[in-house]
Amino acid sequence: GEFKQSAEDVNAYLSSPDYAASISGQPSKLETVMSIRKTLVDERPTSFEDCVVWARLKFETLFNNQIRQLLFNFPEDQVTSSGTKFWSGSKRCPKALTFDLNDKCEDAQMRNHFDFIVA
C-alpha cells in the first residue's frame, strides 16, 4: 500500500547488511531502491513542520490530484464498449476532496481532513 511498502523496504534496508543481495532477484529492485532513496533522502522530514507539510501534500496527491486525473480519464458518465456504465457495480465513482479543516469525512471514519494530517 501507499504507506506500508516503502516503510517495510526502509526498515529492511536499515536492518539488513546484505539488503542489496536480498533484492537482487526482484524484477522491481530499481523501483524499490528509488523508493528507499525518496523516503530517506529526498522527502525525509527533519522537523514536525516538515511532517505536517509532507502529510498535507500527500493528502492533496491522494485525495484530489489522483482522483481528478482518474475522472479525467474515466468521467462519471463513461460507458464501456459493451454499453454499460463504467462506474457501476463495485466500481463507485470517486469524488475529489478539497482540503477543509471543518469538513467531515464519514467514509474514512475521520473526524475531518485534519485527522489525516495528524495521523
Foldseek 3Di string as FASTA:
>chain_A
DVPPPLVVLLVCVVPDPCSCVVCVPPPCVVVNVVSNCCDPPVQDDDDPVSLLVVQVVVLCVPQAVVLVVVCVVQPQQRADPVGHRPCDDPRHRHDHDDADQCDQDVVVPDRGPVSSSVD
